[in-house]
C-alpha atoms as a PDB file:
ATOM      1  CA  MET A   1       0.000   0.000   0.000  1.00  0.00           C
ATOM      2  CA  TRP A   2       2.749   2.454   0.966  1.00  0.00           C
ATOM      3  CA  LEU A   3       4.527   1.710  -2.321  1.00  0.00           C
ATOM      4  CA  SER A   4       1.516   2.823  -4.353  1.00  0.00           C
ATOM      5  CA  VAL A   5       1.191   6.007  -2.235  1.00  0.00           C
ATOM      6  CA  VAL A   6       4.890   6.803  -2.798  1.00  0.00           C
ATOM      7  CA  LEU A   7       4.533   6.193  -6.531  1.00  0.00           C
ATOM      8  CA  LEU A   8       1.373   8.308  -6.814  1.00  0.00           C
ATOM      9  CA  ASN A   9       3.161  11.141  -5.038  1.00  0.00           C
ATOM     10  CA  GLY A  10       6.053  10.873  -7.516  1.00  0.00           C
ATOM     11  CA  THR A  11       8.850  12.461  -5.453  1.00  0.00           C
ATOM     12  CA  PHE A  12      10.752   9.237  -4.811  1.00  0.00           C
ATOM     13  CA  TYR A  13      10.419   8.178  -8.452  1.00  0.00           C
ATOM     14  CA  GLU A  14      11.750  11.571  -9.633  1.00  0.00           C
ATOM     15  CA  CYS A  15      14.892  11.162  -7.525  1.00  0.00           C
ATOM     16  CA  ALA A  16      15.395   7.526  -8.506  1.00  0.00           C
ATOM     17  CA  MET A  17      14.852   7.860 -12.254  1.00  0.00           C
ATOM     18  CA  SER A  18      16.620  11.192 -12.796  1.00  0.00           C
ATOM     19  CA  GLY A  19      19.768   9.523 -11.456  1.00  0.00           C
ATOM     20  CA  SER A  20      19.268   6.351 -13.505  1.00  0.00           C
ATOM     21  CA  LYS A  21      22.220   4.675 -15.260  1.00  0.00           C
ATOM     22  CA  ASN A  22      20.060   3.715 -18.251  1.00  0.00           C
ATOM     23  CA  LEU A  23      21.424   5.966 -21.002  1.00  0.00           C
ATOM     24  CA  LYS A  24      18.555   5.324 -23.432  1.00  0.00           C
ATOM     25  CA  TYR A  25      15.991   6.317 -20.810  1.00  0.00           C
ATOM     26  CA  LEU A  26      17.937   9.477 -19.925  1.00  0.00           C
ATOM     27  CA  GLU A  27      18.241  10.395 -23.600  1.00  0.00           C
ATOM     28  CA  MET A  28      14.478   9.979 -23.937  1.00  0.00           C
ATOM     29  CA  LEU A  29      13.952  12.387 -21.020  1.00  0.00           C
ATOM     30  CA  CYS A  30      16.373  14.919 -22.590  1.00  0.00           C
ATOM     31  CA  HIS A  31      14.896  14.654 -26.093  1.00  0.00           C
ATOM     32  CA  ASN A  32      14.531  18.165 -27.614  1.00  0.00           C
ATOM     33  CA  LYS A  33      16.266  19.728 -24.596  1.00  0.00           C
ATOM     34  CA  SER A  34      19.550  21.645 -24.290  1.00  0.00           C
ATOM     35  CA  ASN A  35      22.928  19.915 -24.641  1.00  0.00           C
ATOM     36  CA  LYS A  36      23.698  20.026 -20.914  1.00  0.00           C
ATOM     37  CA  CYS A  37      20.448  18.168 -20.048  1.00  0.00           C
ATOM     38  CA  LEU A  38      22.108  14.760 -19.548  1.00  0.00           C
ATOM     39  CA  GLU A  39      24.709  16.295 -17.275  1.00  0.00           C
ATOM     40  CA  GLU A  40      22.170  18.270 -15.235  1.00  0.00           C
ATOM     41  CA  LEU A  41      19.480  15.589 -15.073  1.00  0.00           C
ATOM     42  CA  PRO A  42      20.480  14.109 -11.668  1.00  0.00           C
ATOM     43  CA  LYS A  43      20.072  17.601 -10.130  1.00  0.00           C
ATOM     44  CA  VAL A  44      16.546  18.133 -11.502  1.00  0.00           C
ATOM     45  CA  ALA A  45      14.715  16.406  -8.622  1.00  0.00           C
ATOM     46  CA  CYS A  46      16.654  18.470  -6.047  1.00  0.00           C
ATOM     47  CA  GLY A  47      15.888  21.761  -7.802  1.00  0.00           C
ATOM     48  CA  GLN A  48      19.600  22.624  -8.166  1.00  0.00           C
ATOM     49  CA  THR A  49      19.862  22.391 -11.936  1.00  0.00           C
ATOM     50  CA  SER A  50      20.998  25.108 -14.332  1.00  0.00           C
ATOM     51  CA  LEU A  51      18.443  23.980 -16.942  1.00  0.00           C
ATOM     52  CA  SER A  52      15.752  26.446 -17.895  1.00  0.00           C
ATOM     53  CA  SER A  53      12.585  26.395 -15.829  1.00  0.00           C
ATOM     54  CA  TRP A  54      10.421  25.054 -18.664  1.00  0.00           C
ATOM     55  CA  GLU A  55      12.872  22.173 -19.295  1.00  0.00           C
ATOM     56  CA  THR A  56      13.010  21.340 -15.595  1.00  0.00           C
ATOM     57  CA  GLU A  57       9.216  21.514 -15.325  1.00  0.00           C
ATOM     58  CA  GLU A  58       8.747  19.292 -18.383  1.00  0.00           C
ATOM     59  CA  ILE A  59      11.162  16.652 -17.066  1.00  0.00           C
ATOM     60  CA  LEU A  60       9.537  16.683 -13.605  1.00  0.00           C
ATOM     61  CA  LEU A  61       6.032  16.385 -15.102  1.00  0.00           C
ATOM     62  CA  THR A  62       7.177  13.459 -17.269  1.00  0.00           C
ATOM     63  CA  LEU A  63       8.685  11.693 -14.258  1.00  0.00           C
ATOM     64  CA  GLN A  64       5.581  12.348 -12.138  1.00  0.00           C
ATOM     65  CA  ALA A  65       3.303  11.023 -14.887  1.00  0.00           C
ATOM     66  CA  GLU A  66       5.413   7.864 -15.213  1.00  0.00           C
ATOM     67  CA  SER A  67       5.404   7.442 -11.444  1.00  0.00           C
ATOM     68  CA  GLN A  68       1.617   7.743 -11.271  1.00  0.00           C
ATOM     69  CA  VAL A  69       1.175   5.236 -14.099  1.00  0.00           C
ATOM     70  CA  VAL A  70       3.409   2.762 -12.248  1.00  0.00           C
ATOM     71  CA  GLY A  71       1.535   3.493  -8.984  1.00  0.00           C
ATOM     72  CA  TRP A  72      -1.855   2.816 -10.576  1.00  0.00           C
ATOM     73  CA  CYS A  73      -0.471  -0.361 -12.166  1.00  0.00           C
ATOM     74  CA  VAL A  74       0.609  -1.551  -8.712  1.00  0.00           C
ATOM     75  CA  ILE A  75      -2.854  -0.789  -7.281  1.00  0.00           C
ATOM     76  CA  VAL A  76      -4.715  -2.494 -10.150  1.00  0.00           C
ATOM     77  CA  THR A  77      -2.405  -5.523 -10.012  1.00  0.00           C
ATOM     78  CA  ALA A  78      -2.831  -5.868  -6.236  1.00  0.00           C
ATOM     79  CA  ALA A  79      -6.626  -5.527  -6.525  1.00  0.00           C
ATOM     80  CA  PHE A  80      -6.752  -8.078  -9.350  1.00  0.00           C
ATOM     81  CA  LEU A  81      -4.586 -10.566  -7.447  1.00  0.00           C
ATOM     82  CA  SER A  82      -6.684 -10.082  -4.322  1.00  0.00           C
ATOM     83  CA  LEU A  83      -9.866 -10.722  -6.320  1.00  0.00           C
ATOM     84  CA  MET A  84      -8.380 -13.818  -7.968  1.00  0.00           C
ATOM     85  CA  ILE A  85      -7.179 -15.244  -4.635  1.00  0.00           C
ATOM     86  CA  THR A  86     -10.597 -14.598  -3.058  1.00  0.00           C
ATOM     87  CA  CYS A  87     -12.416 -16.216  -5.997  1.00  0.00           C
ATOM     88  CA  TYR A  88     -10.047 -19.186  -5.977  1.00  0.00           C
ATOM     89  CA  GLY A  89     -10.523 -19.603  -2.228  1.00  0.00           C
ATOM     90  CA  HIS A  90     -14.319 -19.566  -2.603  1.00  0.00           C
ATOM     91  CA  CYS A  91     -14.240 -21.997  -5.533  1.00  0.00           C
ATOM     92  CA  GLN A  92     -11.930 -24.449  -3.761  1.00  0.00           C
ATOM     93  CA  SER A  93     -13.715 -24.200  -0.402  1.00  0.00           C
ATOM     94  CA  ASN A  94     -15.542 -27.256   0.893  1.00  0.00           C
ATOM     95  CA  THR A  95     -18.106 -25.063   2.619  1.00  0.00           C
ATOM     96  CA  SER A  96     -21.161 -23.843   0.778  1.00  0.00           C
ATOM     97  CA  HIS A  97     -22.376 -20.271   0.667  1.00  0.00           C
ATOM     98  CA  LEU A  98     -25.289 -21.174   2.944  1.00  0.00           C
ATOM     99  CA  GLN A  99     -22.965 -22.750   5.513  1.00  0.00           C
ATOM    100  CA  LYS A 100     -20.787 -19.655   5.562  1.00  0.00           C
ATOM    101  CA  ARG A 101     -23.855 -17.453   5.879  1.00  0.00           C
ATOM    102  CA  PHE A 102     -25.145 -19.582   8.774  1.00  0.00           C
ATOM    103  CA  TRP A 103     -21.701 -19.430  10.409  1.00  0.00           C
ATOM    104  CA  LYS A 104     -21.687 -15.630  10.134  1.00  0.00           C
ATOM    105  CA  ILE A 105     -25.206 -15.295  11.576  1.00  0.00           C
ATOM    106  CA  TYR A 106     -24.402 -17.797  14.331  1.00  0.00           C
ATOM    107  CA  THR A 107     -21.274 -15.909  15.423  1.00  0.00           C
ATOM    108  CA  GLU A 108     -23.182 -12.597  15.455  1.00  0.00           C
ATOM    109  CA  LYS A 109     -25.991 -14.084  17.565  1.00  0.00           C
ATOM    110  CA  GLU A 110     -23.518 -15.794  19.887  1.00  0.00           C
ATOM    111  CA  LYS A 111     -21.750 -12.467  20.397  1.00  0.00           C
ATOM    112  CA  GLU A 112     -25.078 -10.756  21.194  1.00  0.00           C
ATOM    113  CA  GLN A 113     -25.964 -13.501  23.701  1.00  0.00           C
ATOM    114  CA  PHE A 114     -22.473 -13.252  25.222  1.00  0.00           C
ATOM    115  CA  GLU A 115     -23.006  -9.548  25.832  1.00  0.00           C
ATOM    116  CA  LYS A 116     -26.392 -10.189  27.468  1.00  0.00           C
ATOM    117  CA  TYR A 117     -24.984 -12.954  29.691  1.00  0.00           C
ATOM    118  CA  PHE A 118     -21.955 -10.860  30.643  1.00  0.00           C
ATOM    119  CA  GLU A 119     -24.166  -7.940  31.620  1.00  0.00           C
ATOM    120  CA  ASP A 120     -26.628 -10.162  33.499  1.00  0.00           C
ATOM    121  CA  TYR A 121     -23.967 -12.074  35.431  1.00  0.00           C
ATOM    122  CA  ALA A 122     -21.934  -8.952  36.168  1.00  0.00           C
ATOM    123  CA  THR A 123     -25.086  -7.262  37.526  1.00  0.00           C
ATOM    124  CA  LYS A 124     -25.993 -10.258  39.711  1.00  0.00           C
ATOM    125  CA  LEU A 125     -22.445 -10.604  41.042  1.00  0.00           C
ATOM    126  CA  SER A 126     -22.147  -6.897  41.833  1.00  0.00           C
ATOM    127  CA  GLU A 127     -25.583  -6.912  43.560  1.00  0.00           C
ATOM    128  CA  ARG A 128     -24.547  -9.939  45.636  1.00  0.00           C
ATOM    129  CA  ASN A 129     -21.303  -8.271  46.697  1.00  0.00           C
ATOM    130  CA  LEU A 130     -22.970  -4.943  47.500  1.00  0.00           C
ATOM    131  CA  LYS A 131     -25.670  -6.667  49.577  1.00  0.00           C
ATOM    132  CA  SER A 132     -22.936  -8.447  51.488  1.00  0.00           C
ATOM    133  CA  VAL A 133     -21.191  -5.151  52.276  1.00  0.00           C
ATOM    134  CA  PHE A 134     -24.182  -2.902  52.983  1.00  0.00           C
ATOM    135  CA  GLU A 135     -26.671  -5.374  54.435  1.00  0.00           C
ATOM    136  CA  ASN A 136     -24.164  -7.645  56.172  1.00  0.00           C
ATOM    137  CA  LYS A 137     -25.686 -10.668  54.482  1.00  0.00           C
ATOM    138  CA  LYS A 138     -23.950 -13.995  54.196  1.00  0.00           C
ATOM    139  CA  LEU A 139     -22.660 -14.593  50.686  1.00  0.00           C
ATOM    140  CA  GLU A 140     -24.444 -17.208  48.653  1.00  0.00           C
ATOM    141  CA  PRO A 141     -22.349 -19.313  46.292  1.00  0.00           C
ATOM    142  CA  PHE A 142     -22.227 -17.767  42.850  1.00  0.00           C
ATOM    143  CA  PRO A 143     -21.666 -20.068  39.865  1.00  0.00           C
ATOM    144  CA  MET A 144     -18.855 -18.844  37.662  1.00  0.00           C
ATOM    145  CA  PRO A 145     -16.868 -20.555  34.906  1.00  0.00           C
ATOM    146  CA  SER A 146     -13.503 -21.924  35.936  1.00  0.00           C
ATOM    147  CA  PHE A 147     -10.312 -20.241  34.784  1.00  0.00           C
ATOM    148  CA  ARG A 148      -9.750 -23.141  32.382  1.00  0.00           C
ATOM    149  CA  ALA A 149     -13.226 -22.652  30.902  1.00  0.00           C
ATOM    150  CA  TRP A 150     -12.508 -18.931  30.367  1.00  0.00           C
ATOM    151  CA  GLU A 151      -9.226 -19.810  28.655  1.00  0.00           C
ATOM    152  CA  GLU A 152     -10.823 -22.431  26.410  1.00  0.00           C
ATOM    153  CA  ALA A 153     -13.723 -20.158  25.476  1.00  0.00           C
ATOM    154  CA  SER A 154     -11.265 -17.383  24.580  1.00  0.00           C
ATOM    155  CA  ALA A 155      -9.111 -19.538  22.286  1.00  0.00           C
ATOM    156  CA  LEU A 156      -9.064 -18.926  18.548  1.00  0.00           C
ATOM    157  CA  ASP A 157     -11.004 -21.343  16.416  1.00  0.00           C
ATOM    158  CA  SER A 158     -12.252 -21.515  12.856  1.00  0.00           C
ATOM    159  CA  PHE A 159     -15.103 -23.139  11.002  1.00  0.00           C
ATOM    160  CA  ASN A 160     -14.544 -26.853  10.536  1.00  0.00           C
ATOM    161  CA  ILE A 161     -16.762 -28.543   7.958  1.00  0.00           C
ATOM    162  CA  ASN A 162     -15.912 -32.036   9.208  1.00  0.00           C
ATOM    163  CA  GLN A 163     -17.091 -31.328  12.740  1.00  0.00           C
ATOM    164  CA  GLN A 164     -19.845 -28.755  12.083  1.00  0.00           C
ATOM    165  CA  ILE A 165     -18.355 -26.558  14.817  1.00  0.00           C
ATOM    166  CA  PHE A 166     -19.194 -22.881  14.399  1.00  0.00           C
ATOM    167  CA  SER A 167     -17.226 -21.208  17.191  1.00  0.00           C
ATOM    168  CA  THR A 168     -14.845 -21.791  20.075  1.00  0.00           C
ATOM    169  CA  LEU A 169     -17.737 -21.807  22.538  1.00  0.00           C
ATOM    170  CA  HIS A 170     -19.622 -24.317  20.388  1.00  0.00           C
ATOM    171  CA  LYS A 171     -16.514 -26.549  20.312  1.00  0.00           C
ATOM    172  CA  LEU A 172     -16.106 -26.253  24.077  1.00  0.00           C
ATOM    173  CA  VAL A 173     -19.750 -27.276  24.676  1.00  0.00           C
ATOM    174  CA  GLU A 174     -19.587 -30.163  22.178  1.00  0.00           C
ATOM    175  CA  ASP A 175     -16.343 -31.475  23.705  1.00  0.00           C
ATOM    176  CA  SER A 176     -17.865 -31.186  27.182  1.00  0.00           C
ATOM    177  CA  MET A 177     -20.954 -33.149  26.073  1.00  0.00           C
ATOM    178  CA  LYS A 178     -18.768 -35.896  24.533  1.00  0.00           C
ATOM    179  CA  GLU A 179     -16.714 -36.053  27.722  1.00  0.00           C
ATOM    180  CA  ASN A 180     -19.873 -36.371  29.850  1.00  0.00           C
ATOM    181  CA  ASP A 181     -21.279 -39.064  27.529  1.00  0.00           C
ATOM    182  CA  SER A 182     -18.046 -41.083  27.725  1.00  0.00           C
ATOM    183  CA  ASN A 183     -17.983 -40.740  31.546  1.00  0.00           C
ATOM    184  CA  GLU A 184     -21.591 -41.948  31.762  1.00  0.00           C
ATOM    185  CA  THR A 185     -20.772 -44.880  29.477  1.00  0.00           C
ATOM    186  CA  GLN A 186     -17.782 -45.803  31.649  1.00  0.00           C
ATOM    187  CA  ASP A 187     -19.901 -45.541  34.818  1.00  0.00           C
ATOM    188  CA  THR A 188     -22.569 -47.772  33.255  1.00  0.00           C
ATOM    189  CA  MET A 189     -19.954 -50.343  32.230  1.00  0.00           C
ATOM    190  CA  VAL A 190     -18.462 -50.345  35.750  1.00  0.00           C
ATOM    191  CA  ASN A 191     -21.922 -50.775  37.289  1.00  0.00           C
ATOM    192  CA  LEU A 192     -22.774 -53.613  34.922  1.00  0.00           C
ATOM    193  CA  GLY A 193     -19.434 -55.233  35.661  1.00  0.00           C
ATOM    194  CA  GLU A 194     -20.260 -55.179  39.374  1.00  0.00           C
ATOM    195  CA  GLY A 195     -23.610 -56.823  38.666  1.00  0.00           C
ATOM    196  CA  GLU A 196     -25.734 -53.806  39.612  1.00  0.00           C
ATOM    197  CA  THR A 197     -28.976 -52.988  37.889  1.00  0.00           C
ATOM    198  CA  VAL A 198     -28.853 -49.752  35.960  1.00  0.00           C
END
């Protein structure tokens, strides 16, 4: 991005190209100019040349125009490549448009519900603590997620088509349910092994 801005401005390009070693390019810039143009060309960008003002202005305008053309080429090329990469990614993706749309809506709704739950739980916890201080009431236990649960819910995750998991929280809940199911299955097997009726 900064490269295109520098090229559109033209100052850097003026300095670089007026001091170029390419003789053919320099001769093109000095075409129909005075004999000392080639010698004075490196000084044009600094404004310390002895060339006439119209020659200096013409050279600077030519360099600025070239710089802007190159700058726009960089921008168009970057935009085209970005479009092609995006299109290729969408075409090669295993997820359908509807799945991605559902994922987007799900994450938005989950975020909204998170905000509501945060506000609700923060309000209840602050009320409980204030009642304890001002009314000298005994504190009731307040259910809060463990530190590990906070860490797991805050981890980065991405959409996985094989698992149909739409967020980190969704993955955490699904893993927790699988863990509970496997524990119940193990308990049942132990009970059956001991000859108890389940």
